[in-house]
Amino acid sequence: MANRAAVFVHRLSGHSLSVRRLSIYGSRLTLHARRLHASSAGRSFLSTLLQTAKTKNPITAQWNGQPTHETHPELVAQGETTPGILQSEYDQRRRNIVDSLPDGGTAFLFSAPMHFVSPHVFHEFRQDSDFYYMTGWNEPESVAVLQKSATARRGYTLTMFVRAKEPEKELWEGPRSGLETAVAAFGADEAWPIRDFAKRAAKLIGGAHPVYADLDGEHGLVRSEQCGELRQILQRSNAGARVRRLTPIVQRARLIKSTAELQLMREAGRVSGAAFAAAMRACGPGVSESTLQSTFAHASKMALLAPITDRSILTTDHPAPITDRSALTRPAYVPVFAGGEHALCMHYVLNNAPLRAGDLVLADAGAEVAAYAADVTRTFPVSGRFSEQQRDLYCAVLSVQEQMVRLCHADAGYPLNEIHRCSTHALATELRQIGFHAAERDIERQLYPHHVAHYLGLDVHDTIDMSRALPLRPGMVVTIEPGLYVPYDDRFPKAFQGIGVRIEDDIAVGQTEADIENLSASAPKSPADIEACMAR
């Protein structure tokens, strides 16, 4: 091992620590710390050599800030950086982005900051999606720097600034992955403590090459402290004119999902479908909207709990007769469980009222699995059966939804904006067939005021800067979600007033109509399936 790989540690002024991994081929040096981590002897050698805080604490030395194969083999398979995504895929993502940069270009990606409910009480952390897509790293106070280099082994170098292992802080705040893990498991060529970012960033942006970074908070996002530090450095060095936005480049890559990403989104759809069925079964007069929300969340967890059918694989390391992957899921967004007239509000999220017999429930909810989101909506009767008027409205919306899903293939040549226009025309036609006559302007402005679709992926409203005028391509995942919300207005039939219906599925775009895949098809949707589910 020693003649193939070595890890050099550089202690600099102020006790700063950098970790680099190098592999020796004659006189050439290339980084390969993973080889040291691949065996117990290698890990022992690395720990002895580094002598960082990670090796000085008997508890935190065994933990990382997120699951890895070494600590959570039931969640992260051999060769994966994050659940379901191989190390090689993360490397290819970085290569694809670097190929879009000019020679010498440098890209800065910033983690999301922590958000606090009150002093010392924090929200659950959710990583910045561009940062996660490029690194898989799931901790705050982190920066990744990509530099295009013709002489680098991979065509780029990746430098990461992350929180070092500090047992005193981890005692209170939980485990961190640390510098060694950034190099050994996440593909960094070099890792530095995050406190060193400000003094090293100036060197990284040296020269006249363009700098790619997203320095301004957009779409309600709050940028990290390190983002502000880079902005100040650029201003002091008069390099502001060289800055280009990075997120459009990353979002174009994120728009087309890989086979592995589609599998995670397929799983998110399956989990969400099981949770919708559970919520339908729990529904009834007097039950709170909040109870349905809690039922959905619990059922999402339980959908990732499965028996091990092949008992021959059970070992002393995995003696349980079940496999529990529920740690991979959480709500993809704050859900809507809107009983009765609450459905007239597009994003009603109070979810605190009792359900009334004879009303409908509009439920817009989705599970996230390994950071990939589902976004599904179903509308179902509180008492278990649709009334005649409810069924007529529901079937009108369902027909439009099914027609629009059939347009989600590349051969049709439709962008999402055109599918929306088609959905408005189709809804007007369906409504006339049930005696509901409405002008298209009333449909667009009041009865159906939202778009029929958006992109889906790591974010619920994914790749938000990508135009909905783009023709659909295989690998895109979109929602199709027509709706109808009838206000208390005498311009509209009285029998339908106060009813809101939305039906939404997650659609993987195909090349042909036969290639279209409904990722959320397991959620009961037809009136017959809904009523049968609720009768159990």
Protein backbone atom coordinates (compact mmCIF):
# COMPACT_ATOMS: atom_id res chain seq x y z
CA MET A 1 0.00 0.00 0.00
CA ALA A 2 2.75 2.44 0.94
CA ASN A 3 4.31 2.27 -2.53
CA ARG A 4 0.97 3.07 -4.22
CA ALA A 5 -0.59 5.76 -2.06
CA ALA A 6 0.28 8.26 0.59
CA VAL A 7 -1.54 11.05 2.33
CA PHE A 8 0.32 14.24 3.06
CA VAL A 9 -0.87 16.55 5.78
CA HIS A 10 0.19 20.17 5.78
CA ARG A 11 -0.09 22.10 9.02
CA LEU A 12 -0.01 25.80 8.35
CA SER A 13 0.07 28.88 10.54
CA GLY A 14 -2.79 29.11 13.02
CA HIS A 15 -2.90 25.30 13.24
CA SER A 16 -4.88 25.06 10.02
CA LEU A 17 -5.04 21.63 8.47
CA SER A 18 -5.29 20.61 4.83
CA VAL A 19 -5.85 17.05 3.70
CA ARG A 20 -4.63 15.98 0.29
CA ARG A 21 -4.58 12.51 -1.22
CA LEU A 22 -1.79 11.44 -3.54
CA SER A 23 -0.96 8.26 -5.43
CA ILE A 24 2.62 7.53 -6.44
CA TYR A 25 3.30 6.25 -9.94
CA GLY A 26 7.09 6.54 -10.31
CA SER A 27 7.66 10.24 -9.73
CA ARG A 28 4.06 11.32 -10.39
CA LEU A 29 1.69 12.11 -7.51
CA THR A 30 -2.09 11.75 -7.70
CA LEU A 31 -4.57 11.73 -4.86
CA HIS A 32 -6.08 8.40 -3.66
CA ALA A 33 -7.07 8.44 0.03
CA ARG A 34 -9.97 6.11 -0.70
CA ARG A 35 -7.44 3.31 -1.10
CA LEU A 36 -6.27 3.86 2.44
CA HIS A 37 -9.84 3.86 3.73
CA ALA A 38 -10.61 0.62 1.88
CA SER A 39 -8.97 -1.56 4.56
CA SER A 40 -8.76 -1.46 8.33
CA ALA A 41 -4.98 -1.25 8.10
CA GLY A 42 -5.24 1.71 5.76
CA ARG A 43 -7.70 3.51 8.01
CA SER A 44 -5.45 2.90 11.00
CA PHE A 45 -2.45 4.28 9.10
CA LEU A 46 -4.41 7.33 7.98
CA SER A 47 -5.71 8.05 11.49
CA THR A 48 -2.24 7.75 12.97
CA LEU A 49 -0.76 10.01 10.31
CA LEU A 50 -3.40 12.70 10.49
CA GLN A 51 -3.75 12.96 14.29
CA THR A 52 -6.72 15.27 13.87
CA ALA A 53 -9.52 15.76 16.34
CA LYS A 54 -11.34 12.88 14.69
CA THR A 55 -8.94 10.37 16.22
CA LYS A 56 -9.08 11.80 19.74
CA ASN A 57 -12.71 11.12 20.62
CA PRO A 58 -13.94 7.54 21.04
CA ILE A 59 -17.53 8.47 20.16
CA THR A 60 -17.38 10.98 17.34
CA ALA A 61 -14.54 9.05 15.68
CA GLN A 62 -17.16 6.48 14.67
CA TRP A 63 -19.68 8.95 13.26
CA ASN A 64 -20.07 11.08 10.17
CA GLY A 65 -22.37 14.01 9.55
CA GLN A 66 -24.40 11.91 7.09
CA PRO A 67 -24.78 8.24 6.14
CA THR A 68 -21.92 6.62 4.25
CA HIS A 69 -21.44 3.00 3.23
CA GLU A 70 -18.99 2.54 6.09
CA THR A 71 -21.52 3.63 8.74
CA HIS A 72 -24.89 2.86 7.08
CA PRO A 73 -24.53 -0.01 4.58
CA GLU A 74 -28.31 -0.51 4.64
CA LEU A 75 -28.72 3.00 3.15
CA VAL A 76 -25.59 3.57 1.07
CA ALA A 77 -24.31 0.73 -1.08
CA GLN A 78 -20.68 -0.01 -1.90
CA GLY A 79 -19.43 2.56 -4.40
CA GLU A 80 -22.15 5.10 -3.65
CA THR A 81 -21.48 8.57 -2.26
CA THR A 82 -25.11 9.13 -1.28
CA PRO A 83 -28.02 6.68 -1.30
CA GLY A 84 -28.60 5.53 -4.86
CA ILE A 85 -25.93 7.74 -6.50
CA LEU A 86 -22.50 6.32 -7.32
CA GLN A 87 -19.24 8.16 -6.72
CA SER A 88 -18.63 7.95 -10.47
CA GLU A 89 -21.89 9.79 -11.19
CA TYR A 90 -20.88 12.71 -8.97
CA ASP A 91 -17.55 12.82 -10.78
CA GLN A 92 -19.31 12.84 -14.16
CA ARG A 93 -21.62 15.66 -13.01
CA ARG A 94 -18.58 17.76 -12.15
CA ARG A 95 -16.92 16.93 -15.47
CA ASN A 96 -20.07 18.00 -17.33
CA ILE A 97 -20.15 21.36 -15.54
CA VAL A 98 -16.43 21.95 -16.02
CA ASP A 99 -16.83 21.25 -19.74
CA SER A 100 -19.13 24.32 -19.85
CA LEU A 101 -16.47 26.57 -18.30
CA PRO A 102 -13.61 28.29 -20.14
CA ASP A 103 -10.07 27.10 -19.51
CA GLY A 104 -8.98 28.21 -16.06
CA GLY A 105 -12.54 28.97 -14.98
CA THR A 106 -13.32 28.63 -11.28
CA ALA A 107 -16.73 27.77 -9.84
CA PHE A 108 -17.78 28.32 -6.22
CA LEU A 109 -20.69 26.37 -4.72
CA PHE A 110 -22.03 27.21 -1.28
CA SER A 111 -23.93 25.04 1.15
CA ALA A 112 -27.21 26.21 2.63
CA PRO A 113 -27.02 27.91 6.03
CA MET A 114 -28.70 26.63 9.15
CA HIS A 115 -32.05 28.26 9.94
CA PHE A 116 -33.18 28.81 13.49
CA VAL A 117 -36.64 28.71 15.08
CA SER A 118 -35.34 30.63 18.10
CA PRO A 119 -31.98 31.03 19.83
CA HIS A 120 -30.19 27.66 19.91
CA VAL A 121 -33.20 25.88 18.37
CA PHE A 122 -32.71 25.04 14.71
CA HIS A 123 -34.84 23.76 11.86
CA GLU A 124 -33.97 20.45 10.24
CA PHE A 125 -31.13 21.13 7.80
CA ARG A 126 -31.85 21.02 4.07
CA GLN A 127 -28.88 21.31 1.71
CA ASP A 128 -28.69 23.73 -1.22
CA SER A 129 -29.72 21.64 -4.22
CA ASP A 130 -26.97 22.77 -6.61
CA PHE A 131 -24.36 22.11 -3.93
CA TYR A 132 -25.81 18.67 -3.17
CA TYR A 133 -26.06 17.78 -6.86
CA MET A 134 -22.37 18.52 -7.37
CA THR A 135 -20.93 17.05 -4.16
CA GLY A 136 -23.43 14.93 -2.20
CA TRP A 137 -22.16 16.70 0.93
CA ASN A 138 -24.99 17.33 3.38
CA GLU A 139 -23.62 19.71 6.01
CA PRO A 140 -23.86 23.48 6.46
CA GLU A 141 -20.85 25.83 6.53
CA SER A 142 -19.27 24.24 3.46
CA VAL A 143 -17.87 25.47 0.16
CA ALA A 144 -16.84 23.50 -2.93
CA VAL A 145 -14.46 25.06 -5.45
CA LEU A 146 -14.15 23.55 -8.93
CA GLN A 147 -11.23 24.67 -11.09
CA LYS A 148 -10.92 23.62 -14.70
CA SER A 149 -7.41 22.36 -15.40
CA ALA A 150 -6.01 20.63 -18.46
CA THR A 151 -3.23 19.12 -16.35
CA ALA A 152 -5.48 17.67 -13.63
CA ARG A 153 -6.15 13.94 -13.78
CA ARG A 154 -9.92 14.45 -13.98
CA GLY A 155 -9.80 17.69 -15.98
CA TYR A 156 -10.63 19.63 -12.83
CA THR A 157 -9.64 19.97 -9.20
CA LEU A 158 -12.12 19.97 -6.34
CA THR A 159 -11.23 21.85 -3.17
CA MET A 160 -13.65 21.65 -0.26
CA PHE A 161 -13.90 23.83 2.81
CA VAL A 162 -15.84 22.03 5.53
CA ARG A 163 -16.27 21.90 9.28
CA ALA A 164 -13.37 20.06 10.90
CA LYS A 165 -13.99 17.34 13.47
CA GLU A 166 -14.29 19.08 16.86
CA PRO A 167 -15.40 16.73 19.65
CA GLU A 168 -16.30 19.59 21.98
CA LYS A 169 -18.77 21.04 19.47
CA GLU A 170 -19.98 17.65 18.26
CA LEU A 171 -20.93 16.82 21.83
CA TRP A 172 -23.64 19.50 21.55
CA GLU A 173 -24.33 19.82 17.82
CA GLY A 174 -23.97 16.27 16.56
CA PRO A 175 -21.33 14.55 14.42
CA ARG A 176 -19.45 16.09 11.51
CA SER A 177 -17.87 14.25 8.62
CA GLY A 178 -14.64 16.26 8.71
CA LEU A 179 -11.79 16.88 6.31
CA GLU A 180 -10.69 13.26 5.90
CA THR A 181 -14.13 12.13 4.80
CA ALA A 182 -14.42 14.99 2.30
CA VAL A 183 -11.32 13.63 0.61
CA ALA A 184 -11.79 9.91 1.11
CA ALA A 185 -15.51 9.57 0.34
CA PHE A 186 -16.63 12.71 -1.51
CA GLY A 187 -13.98 13.12 -4.18
CA ALA A 188 -12.21 16.25 -2.96
CA ASP A 189 -8.60 16.67 -4.04
CA GLU A 190 -7.97 18.86 -1.02
CA ALA A 191 -9.97 19.79 2.07
CA TRP A 192 -9.53 22.76 4.40
CA PRO A 193 -11.34 23.90 7.53
CA ILE A 194 -14.18 26.27 6.69
CA ARG A 195 -12.61 28.95 8.90
CA ASP A 196 -9.80 29.19 6.32
CA PHE A 197 -12.06 29.99 3.38
CA ALA A 198 -11.80 33.78 3.46
CA LYS A 199 -8.01 33.86 3.49
CA ARG A 200 -7.67 31.23 0.72
CA ALA A 201 -10.42 32.38 -1.62
CA ALA A 202 -8.33 35.25 -2.97
CA LYS A 203 -5.70 32.81 -4.20
CA LEU A 204 -8.35 30.63 -5.83
CA ILE A 205 -9.70 33.53 -7.91
CA GLY A 206 -6.28 34.82 -8.94
CA GLY A 207 -5.58 35.66 -12.58
CA ALA A 208 -7.95 36.96 -15.19
CA HIS A 209 -10.12 33.87 -15.58
CA PRO A 210 -13.90 34.04 -15.09
CA VAL A 211 -15.40 33.23 -11.70
CA TYR A 212 -18.73 31.40 -11.51
CA ALA A 213 -20.77 31.83 -8.34
CA ASP A 214 -24.27 32.65 -7.15
CA LEU A 215 -23.82 35.53 -4.75
CA ASP A 216 -27.34 36.95 -4.54
CA GLY A 217 -30.23 35.41 -2.66
CA GLU A 218 -33.00 34.55 -5.14
CA HIS A 219 -36.42 32.93 -4.86
CA GLY A 220 -36.43 33.52 -1.11
CA LEU A 221 -33.16 31.67 -0.49
CA VAL A 222 -30.72 32.98 2.11
CA ARG A 223 -27.05 32.72 1.18
CA SER A 224 -24.33 31.51 3.54
CA GLU A 225 -21.79 33.61 5.39
CA GLN A 226 -19.06 32.37 3.05
CA CYS A 227 -20.99 33.69 0.07
CA GLY A 228 -20.78 37.17 1.60
CA GLU A 229 -17.06 36.71 2.24
CA LEU A 230 -16.43 35.89 -1.41
CA ARG A 231 -18.44 38.93 -2.52
CA GLN A 232 -16.25 41.18 -0.36
CA ILE A 233 -13.06 39.60 -1.71
CA LEU A 234 -14.22 40.14 -5.28
CA GLN A 235 -15.05 43.76 -4.55
CA ARG A 236 -11.66 44.42 -2.93
CA SER A 237 -9.82 42.85 -5.85
CA ASN A 238 -11.93 44.66 -8.48
CA ALA A 239 -12.84 41.26 -9.91
CA GLY A 240 -16.60 41.72 -9.80
CA ALA A 241 -16.82 42.11 -13.58
CA ARG A 242 -15.45 38.59 -13.99
CA VAL A 243 -18.29 36.95 -12.03
CA ARG A 244 -20.84 34.85 -13.92
CA ARG A 245 -23.90 33.06 -12.51
CA LEU A 246 -23.31 29.36 -12.00
CA THR A 247 -26.82 28.08 -11.30
CA PRO A 248 -28.08 28.28 -14.93
CA ILE A 249 -25.29 25.91 -15.93
CA VAL A 250 -25.99 23.50 -13.07
CA GLN A 251 -29.75 23.68 -13.57
CA ARG A 252 -29.43 22.75 -17.24
CA ALA A 253 -27.61 19.60 -16.13
CA ARG A 254 -30.14 18.89 -13.38
CA LEU A 255 -33.04 19.18 -15.83
CA ILE A 256 -32.21 15.80 -17.40
CA LYS A 257 -32.33 13.00 -14.83
CA SER A 258 -29.97 10.03 -14.87
CA THR A 259 -31.14 6.43 -14.54
CA ALA A 260 -30.19 6.52 -10.85
CA GLU A 261 -32.08 9.76 -10.24
CA LEU A 262 -35.17 8.37 -11.95
CA GLN A 263 -35.03 5.32 -9.71
CA LEU A 264 -34.98 7.50 -6.58
CA MET A 265 -37.89 9.55 -7.92
CA ARG A 266 -39.74 6.34 -8.75
CA GLU A 267 -39.26 5.31 -5.12
CA ALA A 268 -40.47 8.73 -3.91
CA GLY A 269 -43.60 8.26 -6.01
CA ARG A 270 -44.18 4.77 -4.63
CA VAL A 271 -43.76 5.95 -1.05
CA SER A 272 -46.12 8.86 -1.65
CA GLY A 273 -48.69 6.54 -3.20
CA ALA A 274 -48.68 4.33 -0.11
CA ALA A 275 -49.02 7.39 2.11
CA PHE A 276 -51.99 8.70 0.12
CA ALA A 277 -53.76 5.36 0.47
CA ALA A 278 -53.17 5.47 4.23
CA ALA A 279 -54.51 9.03 4.47
CA MET A 280 -57.63 8.06 2.53
CA ARG A 281 -58.27 5.13 4.88
CA ALA A 282 -57.83 7.41 7.91
CA CYS A 283 -60.27 10.00 6.57
CA GLY A 284 -63.76 10.51 7.98
CA PRO A 285 -66.12 13.12 9.40
CA GLY A 286 -64.68 14.78 12.50
CA VAL A 287 -61.10 13.75 11.72
CA SER A 288 -58.74 16.74 11.65
CA GLU A 289 -56.85 17.83 8.57
CA SER A 290 -53.83 17.62 10.86
CA THR A 291 -54.45 13.92 11.46
CA LEU A 292 -54.34 13.23 7.74
CA GLN A 293 -51.07 15.17 7.52
CA SER A 294 -49.57 13.10 10.34
CA THR A 295 -50.88 9.87 8.84
CA PHE A 296 -49.25 10.73 5.53
CA ALA A 297 -45.88 11.42 7.17
CA HIS A 298 -45.98 8.21 9.23
CA ALA A 299 -47.06 6.07 6.29
CA SER A 300 -44.19 7.49 4.21
CA LYS A 301 -41.75 6.19 6.81
CA MET A 302 -43.47 2.81 7.03
CA ALA A 303 -43.36 2.40 3.25
CA LEU A 304 -39.56 2.12 3.52
CA LEU A 305 -39.75 -0.62 6.15
CA ALA A 306 -39.72 -4.02 4.45
CA PRO A 307 -39.15 -7.66 5.45
CA ILE A 308 -36.03 -9.44 4.28
CA THR A 309 -37.34 -12.37 2.27
CA ASP A 310 -33.94 -14.00 1.74
CA ARG A 311 -32.88 -14.96 5.26
CA SER A 312 -29.61 -16.43 3.98
CA ILE A 313 -28.21 -12.90 3.76
CA LEU A 314 -28.74 -12.26 7.48
CA THR A 315 -25.44 -11.91 9.35
CA THR A 316 -24.31 -10.85 12.78
CA ASP A 317 -24.00 -7.34 11.32
CA HIS A 318 -27.58 -7.47 9.98
CA PRO A 319 -29.50 -9.87 12.23
CA ALA A 320 -32.90 -8.15 11.91
CA PRO A 321 -35.50 -9.83 9.66
CA ILE A 322 -36.42 -6.40 8.23
CA THR A 323 -34.63 -3.70 6.31
CA ASP A 324 -35.46 -0.19 7.49
CA ARG A 325 -34.67 2.62 5.06
CA SER A 326 -37.11 5.10 6.59
CA ALA A 327 -34.25 7.49 7.40
CA LEU A 328 -34.17 8.31 3.68
CA THR A 329 -37.55 10.03 3.63
CA ARG A 330 -39.10 13.22 4.94
CA PRO A 331 -41.82 15.55 3.63
CA ALA A 332 -40.77 17.16 0.37
CA TYR A 333 -42.68 20.33 1.30
CA VAL A 334 -45.28 21.66 3.70
CA PRO A 335 -48.37 19.73 2.56
CA VAL A 336 -51.91 20.85 1.85
CA PHE A 337 -54.76 18.94 3.51
CA ALA A 338 -57.70 21.17 2.70
CA GLY A 339 -61.19 20.11 3.67
CA GLY A 340 -64.23 21.61 1.93
CA GLU A 341 -63.94 25.26 0.92
CA HIS A 342 -60.35 25.42 2.19
CA ALA A 343 -59.48 23.85 -1.18
CA LEU A 344 -60.29 27.17 -2.85
CA CYS A 345 -56.94 28.42 -1.49
CA MET A 346 -54.16 27.07 -3.74
CA HIS A 347 -51.69 26.49 -0.92
CA TYR A 348 -53.76 26.17 2.24
CA VAL A 349 -51.31 24.75 4.80
CA LEU A 350 -52.95 25.49 8.16
CA ASN A 351 -54.30 21.93 8.17
CA ASN A 352 -56.04 22.42 11.53
CA ALA A 353 -59.79 22.09 10.91
CA PRO A 354 -62.12 19.11 11.40
CA LEU A 355 -63.41 17.45 8.25
CA ARG A 356 -67.13 17.62 7.53
CA ALA A 357 -69.37 14.91 6.12
CA GLY A 358 -70.23 15.57 2.49
CA ASP A 359 -67.09 17.63 1.76
CA LEU A 360 -64.07 16.79 -0.36
CA VAL A 361 -60.48 16.85 0.85
CA LEU A 362 -57.81 18.24 -1.46
CA ALA A 363 -54.48 16.73 -0.40
CA ASP A 364 -51.27 18.02 -2.02
CA ALA A 365 -48.33 16.18 -0.46
CA GLY A 366 -45.17 14.32 -1.38
CA ALA A 367 -42.35 12.37 0.17
CA GLU A 368 -38.71 13.10 -0.42
CA VAL A 369 -36.49 10.02 -0.82
CA ALA A 370 -32.72 10.50 -0.62
CA ALA A 371 -33.21 14.22 -1.40
CA TYR A 372 -35.42 13.66 -4.49
CA ALA A 373 -39.00 14.91 -4.27
CA ALA A 374 -42.42 13.64 -5.19
CA ASP A 375 -45.28 16.14 -5.65
CA VAL A 376 -48.70 14.51 -5.82
CA THR A 377 -52.27 15.74 -5.36
CA ARG A 378 -55.43 13.76 -4.83
CA THR A 379 -58.98 14.90 -4.04
CA PHE A 380 -61.27 12.48 -2.18
CA PRO A 381 -64.61 12.49 -0.32
CA VAL A 382 -64.60 12.79 3.47
CA SER A 383 -67.43 10.27 3.81
CA GLY A 384 -65.91 7.77 1.37
CA ARG A 385 -68.21 8.33 -1.63
CA PHE A 386 -68.48 11.16 -4.16
CA SER A 387 -71.77 12.99 -4.56
CA GLU A 388 -73.09 13.35 -8.12
CA GLN A 389 -71.87 16.94 -8.47
CA GLN A 390 -68.49 16.12 -6.92
CA ARG A 391 -68.04 13.16 -9.25
CA ASP A 392 -68.91 15.28 -12.31
CA LEU A 393 -66.33 17.95 -11.44
CA TYR A 394 -63.74 15.39 -10.45
CA CYS A 395 -64.12 13.40 -13.66
CA ALA A 396 -63.87 16.59 -15.73
CA VAL A 397 -60.52 17.43 -14.14
CA LEU A 398 -59.38 13.79 -14.34
CA SER A 399 -60.09 13.66 -18.07
CA VAL A 400 -58.04 16.82 -18.66
CA GLN A 401 -55.18 15.45 -16.56
CA GLU A 402 -55.07 12.16 -18.47
CA GLN A 403 -55.12 14.01 -21.81
CA MET A 404 -52.21 16.24 -20.77
CA VAL A 405 -50.15 13.31 -19.46
CA ARG A 406 -50.36 11.74 -22.92
CA LEU A 407 -48.61 14.84 -24.35
CA CYS A 408 -45.52 14.38 -22.16
CA HIS A 409 -43.21 12.86 -24.75
CA ALA A 410 -40.54 14.32 -26.99
CA ASP A 411 -42.18 13.21 -30.24
CA ALA A 412 -45.21 15.41 -29.45
CA GLY A 413 -42.93 18.45 -29.47
CA TYR A 414 -44.80 20.29 -26.72
CA PRO A 415 -43.21 22.50 -24.06
CA LEU A 416 -44.98 22.85 -20.72
CA ASN A 417 -46.42 26.24 -21.69
CA GLU A 418 -48.18 24.72 -24.68
CA ILE A 419 -49.48 21.82 -22.58
CA HIS A 420 -50.93 24.42 -20.22
CA ARG A 421 -52.76 26.14 -23.07
CA CYS A 422 -54.11 22.77 -24.17
CA SER A 423 -55.31 22.05 -20.63
CA THR A 424 -57.30 25.31 -20.51
CA HIS A 425 -59.10 24.47 -23.76
CA ALA A 426 -59.72 20.90 -22.64
CA LEU A 427 -61.14 22.00 -19.29
CA ALA A 428 -63.60 24.36 -20.99
CA THR A 429 -64.77 21.47 -23.16
CA GLU A 430 -65.14 19.05 -20.24
CA LEU A 431 -67.10 21.60 -18.19
CA ARG A 432 -69.57 22.23 -21.01
CA GLN A 433 -70.33 18.52 -21.10
CA ILE A 434 -71.60 18.66 -17.50
CA GLY A 435 -73.59 21.85 -18.03
CA PHE A 436 -70.94 24.17 -16.54
CA HIS A 437 -70.52 26.95 -19.08
CA ALA A 438 -67.54 29.21 -18.40
CA ALA A 439 -65.56 31.53 -20.64
CA GLU A 440 -61.90 30.67 -21.06
CA ARG A 441 -60.92 34.00 -19.52
CA ASP A 442 -62.85 33.04 -16.35
CA ILE A 443 -61.16 29.65 -16.36
CA GLU A 444 -57.70 31.20 -16.64
CA ARG A 445 -58.25 34.03 -14.14
CA GLN A 446 -60.38 32.40 -11.46
CA LEU A 447 -61.41 28.78 -11.90
CA TYR A 448 -57.94 27.51 -12.87
CA PRO A 449 -55.43 30.26 -12.06
CA HIS A 450 -52.21 28.22 -11.85
CA HIS A 451 -49.94 26.56 -14.41
CA VAL A 452 -50.57 22.92 -15.25
CA ALA A 453 -46.95 21.84 -14.77
CA HIS A 454 -43.49 22.43 -13.40
CA TYR A 455 -40.19 20.57 -13.38
CA LEU A 456 -39.47 18.16 -10.52
CA GLY A 457 -36.29 16.73 -9.02
CA LEU A 458 -34.14 17.67 -6.04
CA ASP A 459 -36.52 20.60 -5.57
CA VAL A 460 -40.29 20.45 -5.74
CA HIS A 461 -40.26 23.39 -8.14
CA ASP A 462 -37.04 22.13 -9.66
CA THR A 463 -34.61 24.03 -11.88
CA ILE A 464 -36.67 27.15 -11.28
CA ASP A 465 -34.69 29.27 -13.78
CA MET A 466 -35.32 26.89 -16.67
CA SER A 467 -38.03 28.13 -19.02
CA ARG A 468 -41.29 26.21 -19.40
CA ALA A 469 -41.01 27.07 -23.11
CA LEU A 470 -38.36 24.36 -23.61
CA PRO A 471 -39.50 21.35 -25.65
CA LEU A 472 -39.81 18.27 -23.46
CA ARG A 473 -36.96 15.75 -23.64
CA PRO A 474 -36.53 12.21 -22.29
CA GLY A 475 -35.05 12.38 -18.79
CA MET A 476 -37.12 15.37 -17.72
CA VAL A 477 -39.58 14.83 -14.89
CA VAL A 478 -42.59 17.13 -14.72
CA THR A 479 -45.83 17.41 -12.80
CA ILE A 480 -49.20 17.50 -14.53
CA GLU A 481 -51.76 19.11 -12.22
CA PRO A 482 -54.91 20.67 -13.65
CA GLY A 483 -57.33 22.02 -11.08
CA LEU A 484 -60.74 23.60 -10.71
CA TYR A 485 -61.74 25.90 -7.85
CA VAL A 486 -65.33 27.16 -7.92
CA PRO A 487 -65.87 30.24 -5.74
CA TYR A 488 -69.11 31.40 -4.18
CA ASP A 489 -70.02 33.48 -7.21
CA ASP A 490 -73.38 33.46 -8.98
CA ARG A 491 -71.64 33.48 -12.36
CA PHE A 492 -71.04 29.78 -11.74
CA PRO A 493 -73.53 26.94 -11.06
CA LYS A 494 -74.60 26.95 -7.41
CA ALA A 495 -74.33 23.16 -7.12
CA PHE A 496 -70.57 23.38 -7.76
CA GLN A 497 -69.75 26.43 -5.62
CA GLY A 498 -67.27 25.90 -2.77
CA ILE A 499 -65.70 22.81 -4.39
CA GLY A 500 -62.00 22.58 -5.19
CA VAL A 501 -60.45 19.72 -7.17
CA ARG A 502 -56.82 19.18 -8.19
CA ILE A 503 -55.22 16.01 -9.52
CA GLU A 504 -51.44 15.83 -9.87
CA ASP A 505 -48.96 13.16 -10.91
CA ASP A 506 -45.20 13.02 -11.45
CA ILE A 507 -44.40 12.17 -15.05
CA ALA A 508 -41.10 10.95 -16.49
CA VAL A 509 -41.01 12.26 -20.06
CA GLY A 510 -40.56 9.63 -22.75
CA GLN A 511 -39.42 9.74 -26.35
CA THR A 512 -42.77 8.35 -27.49
CA GLU A 513 -46.18 8.16 -25.81
CA ALA A 514 -45.47 4.52 -24.96
CA ASP A 515 -42.33 5.58 -23.07
CA ILE A 516 -44.13 7.95 -20.67
CA GLU A 517 -43.95 6.78 -17.05
CA ASN A 518 -46.26 7.95 -14.27
CA LEU A 519 -44.01 7.78 -11.20
CA SER A 520 -46.91 8.33 -8.79
CA ALA A 521 -49.41 5.95 -10.38
CA SER A 522 -49.73 3.90 -7.17
CA ALA A 523 -51.73 6.69 -5.46
CA PRO A 524 -55.46 5.85 -5.93
CA LYS A 525 -56.89 8.22 -8.52
CA SER A 526 -60.02 7.01 -10.29
CA PRO A 527 -63.28 7.52 -8.38
CA ALA A 528 -63.71 3.76 -8.19
CA ASP A 529 -60.19 3.19 -6.81
CA ILE A 530 -60.55 5.99 -4.28
CA GLU A 531 -63.89 4.73 -2.99
CA ALA A 532 -62.58 1.16 -2.82
CA CYS A 533 -59.52 2.31 -0.86
CA MET A 534 -61.63 4.30 1.60
CA ALA A 535 -64.02 1.38 2.11
CA ARG A 536 -61.27 -0.84 3.57
